[in-house]
């Protein structure tokens, strides 16, 4: 599947504004969302540094944006 095909498929998924969290360490959804996003961004960064492609960079930036948004939510929740 190409990047364009994947983008087309993902654009067709409606945004339900729901937050999906992989872990359940107590009840701290903002913290858990930030931890998940941070891990995703770190993985995407390593992939981009190894791969060097434009698609890998775009994936890293998207993951970093999600981490930034989660960090803002975490800071606002205190």
PDB file of N, CA and C in Angstrom:
ATOM      1  N   UNK A   1       0.844  -1.171   0.000  1.00  0.00           N
ATOM      2  CA  UNK A   1       0.000   0.000   0.000  1.00  0.00           C
ATOM      3  C   UNK A   1       0.885   1.229   0.000  1.00  0.00           C
ATOM      4  N   UNK A   2       0.581   2.161  -0.858  1.00  0.00           N
ATOM      5  CA  UNK A   2       1.376   3.384  -0.938  1.00  0.00           C
ATOM      6  C   UNK A   2       0.940   4.375   0.140  1.00  0.00           C
ATOM      7  N   UNK A   3       1.765   5.383   0.357  1.00  0.00           N
ATOM      8  CA  UNK A   3       1.448   6.427   1.324  1.00  0.00           C
ATOM      9  C   UNK A   3       0.168   7.155   0.911  1.00  0.00           C
ATOM     10  N   UNK A   4       0.028   7.432  -0.380  1.00  0.00           N
ATOM     11  CA  UNK A   4      -1.180   8.119  -0.856  1.00  0.00           C
ATOM     12  C   UNK A   4      -2.428   7.278  -0.636  1.00  0.00           C
ATOM     13  N   UNK A   5      -2.330   5.969  -0.864  1.00  0.00           N
ATOM     14  CA  UNK A   5      -3.482   5.089  -0.640  1.00  0.00           C
ATOM     15  C   UNK A   5      -3.849   5.047   0.847  1.00  0.00           C
ATOM     16  N   UNK A   6      -2.838   4.989   1.698  1.00  0.00           N
ATOM     17  CA  UNK A   6      -3.092   4.981   3.131  1.00  0.00           C
ATOM     18  C   UNK A   6      -3.721   6.300   3.568  1.00  0.00           C
ATOM     19  N   UNK A   7      -3.204   7.400   3.075  1.00  0.00           N
ATOM     20  CA  UNK A   7      -3.756   8.720   3.412  1.00  0.00           C
ATOM     21  C   UNK A   7      -5.220   8.802   2.976  1.00  0.00           C
ATOM     22  N   UNK A   8      -5.528   8.306   1.782  1.00  0.00           N
ATOM     23  CA  UNK A   8      -6.900   8.314   1.280  1.00  0.00           C
ATOM     24  C   UNK A   8      -7.814   7.512   2.212  1.00  0.00           C
ATOM     25  N   UNK A   9      -7.349   6.335   2.637  1.00  0.00           N
ATOM     26  CA  UNK A   9      -8.152   5.516   3.536  1.00  0.00           C
ATOM     27  C   UNK A   9      -8.360   6.196   4.890  1.00  0.00           C
ATOM     28  N   UNK A  10      -7.310   6.766   5.434  1.00  0.00           N
ATOM     29  CA  UNK A  10      -7.419   7.415   6.743  1.00  0.00           C
ATOM     30  C   UNK A  10      -8.270   8.673   6.688  1.00  0.00           C
ATOM     31  N   UNK A  11      -8.221   9.386   5.573  1.00  0.00           N
ATOM     32  CA  UNK A  11      -9.065  10.575   5.432  1.00  0.00           C
ATOM     33  C   UNK A  11     -10.540  10.218   5.430  1.00  0.00           C
ATOM     34  N   UNK A  12     -10.861   8.985   5.052  1.00  0.00           N
ATOM     35  CA  UNK A  12     -12.249   8.543   5.022  1.00  0.00           C
ATOM     36  C   UNK A  12     -12.794   8.123   6.373  1.00  0.00           C
ATOM     37  N   UNK A  13     -11.925   8.021   7.379  1.00  0.00           N
ATOM     38  CA  UNK A  13     -12.365   7.627   8.721  1.00  0.00           C
ATOM     39  C   UNK A  13     -12.832   8.877   9.454  1.00  0.00           C
ATOM     40  N   UNK A  14     -14.077   8.880   9.925  1.00  0.00           N
ATOM     41  CA  UNK A  14     -14.575  10.067  10.621  1.00  0.00           C
ATOM     42  C   UNK A  14     -13.857  10.274  11.956  1.00  0.00           C
ATOM     43  N   UNK A  15     -13.645  11.523  12.314  1.00  0.00           N
ATOM     44  CA  UNK A  15     -13.010  11.868  13.580  1.00  0.00           C
ATOM     45  C   UNK A  15     -14.086  11.895  14.658  1.00  0.00           C
ATOM     46  N   UNK A  16     -14.040  10.939  15.560  1.00  0.00           N
ATOM     47  CA  UNK A  16     -15.035  10.840  16.622  1.00  0.00           C
ATOM     48  C   UNK A  16     -14.627  11.611  17.868  1.00  0.00           C
ATOM     49  N   UNK A  17     -13.433  12.195  17.834  1.00  0.00           N
ATOM     50  CA  UNK A  17     -12.893  12.963  18.961  1.00  0.00           C
ATOM     51  C   UNK A  17     -12.729  12.090  20.210  1.00  0.00           C
ATOM     52  N   UNK A  18     -12.565  10.784  20.003  1.00  0.00           N
ATOM     53  CA  UNK A  18     -12.348   9.863  21.101  1.00  0.00           C
ATOM     54  C   UNK A  18     -10.852   9.661  21.302  1.00  0.00           C
ATOM     55  N   UNK A  19     -10.488   9.414  22.511  1.00  0.00           N
ATOM     56  CA  UNK A  19      -9.101   9.193  22.867  1.00  0.00           C
ATOM     57  C   UNK A  19      -8.909   7.711  23.149  1.00  0.00           C
ATOM     58  N   UNK A  20      -7.980   7.090  22.439  1.00  0.00           N
ATOM     59  CA  UNK A  20      -7.694   5.672  22.639  1.00  0.00           C
ATOM     60  C   UNK A  20      -6.366   5.573  23.376  1.00  0.00           C
ATOM     61  N   UNK A  21      -6.396   4.910  24.512  1.00  0.00           N
ATOM     62  CA  UNK A  21      -5.212   4.787  25.366  1.00  0.00           C
ATOM     63  C   UNK A  21      -4.839   3.318  25.467  1.00  0.00           C
ATOM     64  N   UNK A  22      -3.562   3.023  25.238  1.00  0.00           N
ATOM     65  CA  UNK A  22      -3.097   1.634  25.262  1.00  0.00           C
ATOM     66  C   UNK A  22      -2.952   1.087  26.672  1.00  0.00           C
ATOM     67  N   UNK A  23      -2.601   1.926  27.606  1.00  0.00           N
ATOM     68  CA  UNK A  23      -2.340   1.436  28.964  1.00  0.00           C
ATOM     69  C   UNK A  23      -3.425   1.955  29.913  1.00  0.00           C
ATOM     70  N   UNK A  24      -3.506   1.339  31.041  1.00  0.00           N
ATOM     71  CA  UNK A  24      -4.460   1.777  32.057  1.00  0.00           C
ATOM     72  C   UNK A  24      -3.767   1.753  33.415  1.00  0.00           C
ATOM     73  N   UNK A  25      -2.840   2.673  33.619  1.00  0.00           N
ATOM     74  CA  UNK A  25      -2.110   2.781  34.894  1.00  0.00           C
ATOM     75  C   UNK A  25      -2.904   3.690  35.823  1.00  0.00           C
ATOM     76  N   UNK A  26      -3.887   3.117  36.489  1.00  0.00           N
ATOM     77  CA  UNK A  26      -4.733   3.946  37.329  1.00  0.00           C
ATOM     78  C   UNK A  26      -5.700   4.721  36.449  1.00  0.00           C
ATOM     79  N   UNK A  27      -6.100   5.888  36.884  1.00  0.00           N
ATOM     80  CA  UNK A  27      -7.017   6.691  36.087  1.00  0.00           C
ATOM     81  C   UNK A  27      -6.416   8.073  35.892  1.00  0.00           C
ATOM     82  N   UNK A  28      -5.538   8.163  34.919  1.00  0.00           N
ATOM     83  CA  UNK A  28      -4.904   9.424  34.555  1.00  0.00           C
ATOM     84  C   UNK A  28      -4.852   9.475  33.033  1.00  0.00           C
ATOM     85  N   UNK A  29      -5.993   9.680  32.366  1.00  0.00           N
ATOM     86  CA  UNK A  29      -6.020   9.582  30.907  1.00  0.00           C
ATOM     87  C   UNK A  29      -5.098  10.569  30.195  1.00  0.00           C
ATOM     88  N   UNK A  30      -4.955  11.786  30.720  1.00  0.00           N
ATOM     89  CA  UNK A  30      -4.059  12.753  30.065  1.00  0.00           C
ATOM     90  C   UNK A  30      -2.615  12.281  30.123  1.00  0.00           C
ATOM     91  N   UNK A  31      -2.207  11.780  31.299  1.00  0.00           N
ATOM     92  CA  UNK A  31      -0.836  11.280  31.440  1.00  0.00           C
ATOM     93  C   UNK A  31      -0.612  10.055  30.559  1.00  0.00           C
ATOM     94  N   UNK A  32      -1.580   9.146  30.567  1.00  0.00           N
ATOM     95  CA  UNK A  32      -1.448   7.932  29.764  1.00  0.00           C
ATOM     96  C   UNK A  32      -1.416   8.255  28.275  1.00  0.00           C
ATOM     97  N   UNK A  33      -2.233   9.207  27.846  1.00  0.00           N
ATOM     98  CA  UNK A  33      -2.235   9.616  26.433  1.00  0.00           C
ATOM     99  C   UNK A  33      -0.884  10.221  26.061  1.00  0.00           C
ATOM    100  N   UNK A  34      -0.318  11.049  26.959  1.00  0.00           N
ATOM    101  CA  UNK A  34       0.981  11.648  26.671  1.00  0.00           C
ATOM    102  C   UNK A  34       2.066  10.572  26.604  1.00  0.00           C
ATOM    103  N   UNK A  35       2.039   9.612  27.521  1.00  0.00           N
ATOM    104  CA  UNK A  35       3.057   8.560  27.503  1.00  0.00           C
ATOM    105  C   UNK A  35       2.990   7.749  26.212  1.00  0.00           C
ATOM    106  N   UNK A  36       1.775   7.393  25.796  1.00  0.00           N
ATOM    107  CA  UNK A  36       1.615   6.662  24.533  1.00  0.00           C
ATOM    108  C   UNK A  36       2.138   7.484  23.363  1.00  0.00           C
ATOM    109  N   UNK A  37       1.738   8.760  23.325  1.00  0.00           N
ATOM    110  CA  UNK A  37       2.159   9.628  22.223  1.00  0.00           C
ATOM    111  C   UNK A  37       3.674   9.831  22.236  1.00  0.00           C
ATOM    112  N   UNK A  38       4.251   9.968  23.415  1.00  0.00           N
ATOM    113  CA  UNK A  38       5.700  10.147  23.528  1.00  0.00           C
ATOM    114  C   UNK A  38       6.442   8.928  22.988  1.00  0.00           C
ATOM    115  N   UNK A  39       5.970   7.742  23.367  1.00  0.00           N
ATOM    116  CA  UNK A  39       6.602   6.513  22.867  1.00  0.00           C
ATOM    117  C   UNK A  39       6.459   6.406  21.346  1.00  0.00           C
ATOM    118  N   UNK A  40       5.287   6.747  20.823  1.00  0.00           N
ATOM    119  CA  UNK A  40       5.082   6.710  19.369  1.00  0.00           C
ATOM    120  C   UNK A  40       6.014   7.684  18.652  1.00  0.00           C
ATOM    121  N   UNK A  41       6.150   8.889  19.213  1.00  0.00           N
ATOM    122  CA  UNK A  41       7.009   9.900  18.588  1.00  0.00           C
ATOM    123  C   UNK A  41       8.473   9.460  18.624  1.00  0.00           C
ATOM    124  N   UNK A  42       8.900   8.873  19.727  1.00  0.00           N
ATOM    125  CA  UNK A  42      10.294   8.405  19.824  1.00  0.00           C
ATOM    126  C   UNK A  42      10.556   7.291  18.812  1.00  0.00           C
ATOM    127  N   UNK A  43       9.614   6.384  18.667  1.00  0.00           N
ATOM    128  CA  UNK A  43       9.760   5.303  17.687  1.00  0.00           C
ATOM    129  C   UNK A  43       9.784   5.856  16.274  1.00  0.00           C
ATOM    130  N   UNK A  44       8.879   6.787  15.985  1.00  0.00           N
ATOM    131  CA  UNK A  44       8.826   7.389  14.647  1.00  0.00           C
ATOM    132  C   UNK A  44      10.105   8.172  14.353  1.00  0.00           C
ATOM    133  N   UNK A  45      10.662   8.833  15.360  1.00  0.00           N
ATOM    134  CA  UNK A  45      11.911   9.574  15.176  1.00  0.00           C
ATOM    135  C   UNK A  45      13.051   8.623  14.808  1.00  0.00           C
ATOM    136  N   UNK A  46      13.159   7.527  15.555  1.00  0.00           N
ATOM    137  CA  UNK A  46      14.212   6.556  15.248  1.00  0.00           C
ATOM    138  C   UNK A  46      14.047   5.981  13.840  1.00  0.00           C
ATOM    139  N   UNK A  47      12.805   5.717  13.451  1.00  0.00           N
ATOM    140  CA  UNK A  47      12.538   5.205  12.107  1.00  0.00           C
ATOM    141  C   UNK A  47      12.963   6.221  11.060  1.00  0.00           C
ATOM    142  N   UNK A  48      12.613   7.480  11.271  1.00  0.00           N
ATOM    143  CA  UNK A  48      12.981   8.526  10.304  1.00  0.00           C
ATOM    144  C   UNK A  48      14.502   8.674  10.222  1.00  0.00           C
ATOM    145  N   UNK A  49      15.188   8.654  11.364  1.00  0.00           N
ATOM    146  CA  UNK A  49      16.653   8.806  11.350  1.00  0.00           C
ATOM    147  C   UNK A  49      17.313   7.635  10.621  1.00  0.00           C
ATOM    148  N   UNK A  50      16.732   6.447  10.767  1.00  0.00           N
ATOM    149  CA  UNK A  50      17.286   5.271  10.099  1.00  0.00           C
ATOM    150  C   UNK A  50      16.926   5.273   8.617  1.00  0.00           C
ATOM    151  N   UNK A  51      15.687   5.600   8.302  1.00  0.00           N
ATOM    152  CA  UNK A  51      15.149   5.516   6.940  1.00  0.00           C
ATOM    153  C   UNK A  51      15.488   6.762   6.115  1.00  0.00           C
ATOM    154  N   UNK A  52      15.237   7.932   6.682  1.00  0.00           N
ATOM    155  CA  UNK A  52      15.539   9.186   6.000  1.00  0.00           C
ATOM    156  C   UNK A  52      14.550   9.597   4.926  1.00  0.00           C
ATOM    157  N   UNK A  53      13.452   8.872   4.779  1.00  0.00           N
ATOM    158  CA  UNK A  53      12.503   9.192   3.709  1.00  0.00           C
ATOM    159  C   UNK A  53      11.547  10.301   4.130  1.00  0.00           C
ATOM    160  N   UNK A  54      10.922  10.916   3.132  1.00  0.00           N
ATOM    161  CA  UNK A  54       9.926  11.963   3.386  1.00  0.00           C
ATOM    162  C   UNK A  54       8.720  11.380   4.116  1.00  0.00           C
ATOM    163  N   UNK A  55       8.325  10.169   3.789  1.00  0.00           N
ATOM    164  CA  UNK A  55       7.179   9.533   4.458  1.00  0.00           C
ATOM    165  C   UNK A  55       7.488   9.275   5.929  1.00  0.00           C
ATOM    166  N   UNK A  56       8.704   8.836   6.219  1.00  0.00           N
ATOM    167  CA  UNK A  56       9.088   8.591   7.609  1.00  0.00           C
ATOM    168  C   UNK A  56       9.128   9.903   8.388  1.00  0.00           C
ATOM    169  N   UNK A  57       9.586  10.976   7.740  1.00  0.00           N
ATOM    170  CA  UNK A  57       9.600  12.280   8.404  1.00  0.00           C
ATOM    171  C   UNK A  57       8.176  12.764   8.676  1.00  0.00           C
ATOM    172  N   UNK A  58       7.284  12.597   7.712  1.00  0.00           N
ATOM    173  CA  UNK A  58       5.885  13.002   7.897  1.00  0.00           C
ATOM    174  C   UNK A  58       5.252  12.218   9.045  1.00  0.00           C
ATOM    175  N   UNK A  59       5.550  10.927   9.134  1.00  0.00           N
ATOM    176  CA  UNK A  59       5.022  10.115  10.231  1.00  0.00           C
ATOM    177  C   UNK A  59       5.576  10.592  11.567  1.00  0.00           C
ATOM    178  N   UNK A  60       6.852  10.932  11.589  1.00  0.00           N
ATOM    179  CA  UNK A  60       7.452  11.456  12.820  1.00  0.00           C
ATOM    180  C   UNK A  60       6.798  12.769  13.226  1.00  0.00           C
ATOM    181  N   UNK A  61       6.627  13.687  12.282  1.00  0.00           N
ATOM    182  CA  UNK A  61       6.020  14.986  12.611  1.00  0.00           C
ATOM    183  C   UNK A  61       4.592  14.820  13.108  1.00  0.00           C
ATOM    184  N   UNK A  62       3.836  13.908  12.497  1.00  0.00           N
ATOM    185  CA  UNK A  62       2.460  13.655  12.957  1.00  0.00           C
ATOM    186  C   UNK A  62       2.465  13.116  14.391  1.00  0.00           C
ATOM    187  N   UNK A  63       3.379  12.199  14.666  1.00  0.00           N
ATOM    188  CA  UNK A  63       3.479  11.649  16.022  1.00  0.00           C
ATOM    189  C   UNK A  63       3.920  12.727  17.007  1.00  0.00           C
ATOM    190  N   UNK A  64       4.822  13.592  16.578  1.00  0.00           N
ATOM    191  CA  UNK A  64       5.285  14.680  17.446  1.00  0.00           C
ATOM    192  C   UNK A  64       4.161  15.668  17.719  1.00  0.00           C
ATOM    193  N   UNK A  65       3.348  15.956  16.719  1.00  0.00           N
ATOM    194  CA  UNK A  65       2.201  16.847  16.917  1.00  0.00           C
ATOM    195  C   UNK A  65       1.216  16.247  17.922  1.00  0.00           C
ATOM    196  N   UNK A  66       1.010  14.930  17.834  1.00  0.00           N
ATOM    197  CA  UNK A  66       0.117  14.265  18.780  1.00  0.00           C
ATOM    198  C   UNK A  66       0.701  14.312  20.191  1.00  0.00           C
ATOM    199  N   UNK A  67       2.009  14.142  20.294  1.00  0.00           N
ATOM    200  CA  UNK A  67       2.640  14.252  21.611  1.00  0.00           C
ATOM    201  C   UNK A  67       2.489  15.664  22.165  1.00  0.00           C
ATOM    202  N   UNK A  68       2.695  16.678  21.332  1.00  0.00           N
ATOM    203  CA  UNK A  68       2.542  18.058  21.768  1.00  0.00           C
ATOM    204  C   UNK A  68       1.120  18.335  22.272  1.00  0.00           C
ATOM    205  N   UNK A  69       0.122  17.847  21.533  1.00  0.00           N
ATOM    206  CA  UNK A  69      -1.271  18.049  21.938  1.00  0.00           C
ATOM    207  C   UNK A  69      -1.555  17.338  23.261  1.00  0.00           C
ATOM    208  N   UNK A  70      -1.017  16.142  23.429  1.00  0.00           N
ATOM    209  CA  UNK A  70      -1.220  15.409  24.678  1.00  0.00           C
ATOM    210  C   UNK A  70      -0.530  16.113  25.832  1.00  0.00           C
ATOM    211  N   UNK A  71       0.638  16.687  25.567  1.00  0.00           N
ATOM    212  CA  UNK A  71       1.351  17.412  26.614  1.00  0.00           C
ATOM    213  C   UNK A  71       0.570  18.660  27.017  1.00  0.00           C
ATOM    214  N   UNK A  72      -0.023  19.346  26.053  1.00  0.00           N
ATOM    215  CA  UNK A  72      -0.847  20.517  26.365  1.00  0.00           C
ATOM    216  C   UNK A  72      -2.054  20.110  27.211  1.00  0.00           C
ATOM    217  N   UNK A  73      -2.675  18.981  26.875  1.00  0.00           N
ATOM    218  CA  UNK A  73      -3.816  18.491  27.652  1.00  0.00           C
ATOM    219  C   UNK A  73      -3.372  18.130  29.065  1.00  0.00           C
ATOM    220  N   UNK A  74      -2.216  17.522  29.189  1.00  0.00           N
ATOM    221  CA  UNK A  74      -1.684  17.155  30.500  1.00  0.00           C
ATOM    222  C   UNK A  74      -1.420  18.399  31.347  1.00  0.00           C
ATOM    223  N   UNK A  75      -0.831  19.413  30.756  1.00  0.00           N
ATOM    224  CA  UNK A  75      -0.528  20.648  31.483  1.00  0.00           C
ATOM    225  C   UNK A  75      -1.812  21.370  31.897  1.00  0.00           C
ATOM    226  N   UNK A  76      -2.834  21.308  31.040  1.00  0.00           N
ATOM    227  CA  UNK A  76      -4.101  21.970  31.350  1.00  0.00           C
ATOM    228  C   UNK A  76      -4.919  21.249  32.381  1.00  0.00           C
ATOM    229  N   UNK A  77      -4.637  19.975  32.584  1.00  0.00           N
ATOM    230  CA  UNK A  77      -5.414  19.177  33.519  1.00  0.00           C
ATOM    231  C   UNK A  77      -4.987  19.306  34.966  1.00  0.00           C
ATOM    232  N   UNK A  78      -3.945  20.056  35.219  1.00  0.00           N
ATOM    233  CA  UNK A  78      -3.446  20.188  36.599  1.00  0.00           C
ATOM    234  C   UNK A  78      -4.103  21.314  37.318  1.00  0.00           C
TER     235      UNK A  78
END
